[in-house]
Amino acid sequence: MRLDLKSVLREIIVVNKTIPNQRSIQAYINRIADSERREEAARLLELISRISGEKPVMWGTSIIGFGEYTYYNSKKKPLTWCPIGLSCRQKTQTIYFTRGLPDMECTIPTNWPNLGKYKFGKSCFHMRQLSDVRLDDLASMIGFAWRESQTSPNPIYY
């Protein structure tokens, strides 16, 4: 069996490339070409900031993160991530619920049956535009996710 140096190094050192940095959140939002999407991004930024009480920080080049925690990947290596993140993609506004919420997809229809049009994948909540969802329900869902992220034990092995 031939050893691949990259594979060996990956086993030894796990590096998360999407990390908090000093990039400007305003510059990120200003780069959004569509003015409506830019306005939605600013509203979501304000909403999540208010609910979480956390100062937003850029993670990598395209995620605005709120808070941080350590989790363990499948190789039991610790990595740092944000409990809630926001990414303003070209076709969707995406909110990441990434801590202690493996059943979030099942929770949404029960707790917020009138939330609106959205897609949920793994721990990513996608909406085409902010007007597709009820803002009060979205705020309630974000609040629930934030509270859960603060009280749940660190997730084990993603």
Protein backbone atom coordinates (compact mmCIF):
# COMPACT_ATOMS: atom_id res chain seq x y z
CA MET A 1 0.00 0.00 0.00
CA ARG A 2 1.38 3.37 -1.04
CA LEU A 3 0.97 6.24 1.43
CA ASP A 4 -0.23 9.56 0.12
CA LEU A 5 1.45 12.42 2.01
CA LYS A 6 -1.65 14.65 1.79
CA SER A 7 -3.84 11.94 3.31
CA VAL A 8 -1.36 11.34 6.11
CA LEU A 9 -1.15 15.05 6.89
CA ARG A 10 -4.96 15.36 6.85
CA GLU A 11 -5.10 12.62 9.48
CA ILE A 12 -2.59 14.44 11.66
CA ILE A 13 -3.67 18.05 11.18
CA VAL A 14 -7.29 19.04 10.67
CA VAL A 15 -7.59 22.63 9.55
CA ASN A 16 -10.90 24.36 9.11
CA LYS A 17 -10.42 26.79 6.23
CA THR A 18 -13.56 28.75 7.07
CA ILE A 19 -12.44 30.65 10.16
CA PRO A 20 -13.27 33.99 11.76
CA ASN A 21 -11.40 36.89 10.20
CA GLN A 22 -11.28 40.66 10.02
CA ARG A 23 -13.04 41.00 6.65
CA SER A 24 -15.68 43.69 6.49
CA ILE A 25 -19.27 42.51 6.78
CA GLN A 26 -20.45 45.74 5.18
CA ALA A 27 -18.13 45.20 2.20
CA TYR A 28 -19.51 41.64 1.85
CA ILE A 29 -23.09 42.94 1.84
CA ASN A 30 -22.18 45.79 -0.52
CA ARG A 31 -20.84 43.25 -3.05
CA ILE A 32 -24.35 41.78 -3.45
CA ALA A 33 -25.35 43.00 -6.91
CA ASP A 34 -29.13 43.02 -6.45
CA SER A 35 -30.33 45.91 -4.25
CA GLU A 36 -33.29 43.91 -2.87
CA ARG A 37 -31.02 41.05 -1.82
CA ARG A 38 -28.62 43.56 -0.27
CA GLU A 39 -31.48 45.02 1.78
CA GLU A 40 -32.62 41.53 2.82
CA ALA A 41 -29.08 40.67 3.90
CA ALA A 42 -28.92 43.80 6.05
CA ARG A 43 -32.31 42.98 7.63
CA LEU A 44 -31.25 39.39 8.36
CA LEU A 45 -27.94 40.60 9.78
CA GLU A 46 -29.78 42.97 12.14
CA LEU A 47 -32.35 40.31 13.09
CA ILE A 48 -29.82 37.61 13.95
CA SER A 49 -27.57 40.11 15.76
CA ARG A 50 -30.47 41.28 17.89
CA ILE A 51 -31.64 37.76 18.72
CA SER A 52 -28.21 36.30 19.45
CA GLY A 53 -26.74 39.36 21.14
CA GLU A 54 -23.49 38.48 19.38
CA LYS A 55 -21.32 40.76 17.29
CA PRO A 56 -21.28 39.35 13.74
CA VAL A 57 -17.94 38.23 12.33
CA MET A 58 -16.98 37.12 8.83
CA TRP A 59 -16.05 33.43 8.60
CA GLY A 60 -14.13 32.83 5.40
CA THR A 61 -15.32 34.94 2.50
CA SER A 62 -19.06 34.29 2.47
CA ILE A 63 -20.43 33.45 5.92
CA ILE A 64 -21.38 35.91 8.63
CA GLY A 65 -21.11 34.06 11.93
CA PHE A 66 -22.62 34.76 15.33
CA GLY A 67 -20.73 33.35 18.31
CA GLU A 68 -18.46 30.31 18.21
CA TYR A 69 -18.09 26.86 19.75
CA THR A 70 -15.91 23.78 19.41
CA TYR A 71 -17.18 20.51 17.98
CA TYR A 72 -15.51 17.25 17.09
CA ASN A 73 -15.42 15.85 13.57
CA SER A 74 -15.68 12.17 12.65
CA LYS A 75 -11.99 11.74 13.38
CA LYS A 76 -12.56 13.19 16.86
CA LYS A 77 -10.53 16.31 16.07
CA PRO A 78 -11.76 19.60 17.55
CA LEU A 79 -12.89 22.32 15.15
CA THR A 80 -14.36 25.75 15.80
CA TRP A 81 -17.57 26.94 14.15
CA CYS A 82 -20.39 29.47 14.63
CA PRO A 83 -23.71 28.38 16.21
CA ILE A 84 -25.61 30.47 13.66
CA GLY A 85 -24.35 31.73 10.34
CA LEU A 86 -25.73 33.74 7.44
CA SER A 87 -24.68 33.45 3.83
CA CYS A 88 -26.18 35.62 1.13
CA ARG A 89 -25.95 33.45 -1.94
CA GLN A 90 -26.89 34.38 -5.47
CA LYS A 91 -30.21 32.49 -5.43
CA THR A 92 -30.93 32.06 -1.71
CA GLN A 93 -30.43 33.61 1.68
CA THR A 94 -29.06 30.78 3.83
CA ILE A 95 -29.05 30.52 7.60
CA TYR A 96 -26.86 27.85 9.15
CA PHE A 97 -28.04 26.24 12.38
CA THR A 98 -24.99 24.26 13.32
CA ARG A 99 -25.00 23.31 16.95
CA GLY A 100 -27.13 20.76 18.75
CA LEU A 101 -29.91 20.83 16.17
CA PRO A 102 -29.84 17.53 14.30
CA ASP A 103 -33.66 17.41 14.24
CA MET A 104 -34.24 21.02 13.20
CA GLU A 105 -35.76 19.95 9.88
CA CYS A 106 -38.39 17.92 11.77
CA THR A 107 -38.96 20.72 14.31
CA ILE A 108 -39.86 23.42 11.78
CA PRO A 109 -43.20 22.03 10.51
CA THR A 110 -44.35 21.30 14.07
CA ASN A 111 -43.37 24.59 15.69
CA TRP A 112 -43.71 26.95 12.73
CA PRO A 113 -46.32 25.39 10.40
CA ASN A 114 -46.99 28.70 8.63
CA LEU A 115 -43.35 29.71 8.18
CA GLY A 116 -43.65 29.91 4.40
CA LYS A 117 -41.59 28.70 1.45
CA TYR A 118 -38.14 27.35 2.31
CA LYS A 119 -35.84 24.40 1.85
CA PHE A 120 -33.88 22.73 4.60
CA GLY A 121 -30.82 20.61 4.03
CA LYS A 122 -28.80 19.09 6.85
CA SER A 123 -28.52 22.21 9.01
CA CYS A 124 -29.02 24.86 6.31
CA PHE A 125 -32.22 26.86 6.01
CA HIS A 126 -32.63 28.28 2.49
CA MET A 127 -35.16 30.88 1.38
CA ARG A 128 -35.26 32.46 -2.04
CA GLN A 129 -36.26 35.81 -0.62
CA LEU A 130 -37.19 37.16 2.77
CA SER A 131 -40.78 37.80 1.68
CA ASP A 132 -41.22 34.03 1.16
CA VAL A 133 -41.32 33.50 4.94
CA ARG A 134 -43.20 35.03 7.84
CA LEU A 135 -40.69 37.26 9.60
CA ASP A 136 -42.18 36.67 13.08
CA ASP A 137 -41.90 32.91 12.62
CA LEU A 138 -38.38 33.22 11.24
CA ALA A 139 -37.36 35.32 14.26
CA SER A 140 -38.94 32.76 16.59
CA MET A 141 -37.11 29.91 14.85
CA ILE A 142 -33.77 31.74 15.01
CA GLY A 143 -34.38 32.47 18.71
CA PHE A 144 -35.15 28.80 19.35
CA ALA A 145 -32.03 27.69 17.50
CA TRP A 146 -29.88 30.22 19.35
CA ARG A 147 -31.20 29.18 22.79
CA GLU A 148 -30.70 25.52 21.92
CA SER A 149 -27.16 26.21 20.77
CA GLN A 150 -26.36 27.80 24.12
CA THR A 151 -27.75 24.96 26.22
CA SER A 152 -26.99 21.85 24.15
CA PRO A 153 -23.76 19.96 24.71
CA ASN A 154 -21.21 20.21 21.94
CA PRO A 155 -22.26 18.02 19.04
CA ILE A 156 -20.27 14.85 18.78
CA TYR A 157 -18.66 13.86 15.53
CA TYR A 158 -19.94 15.38 12.32
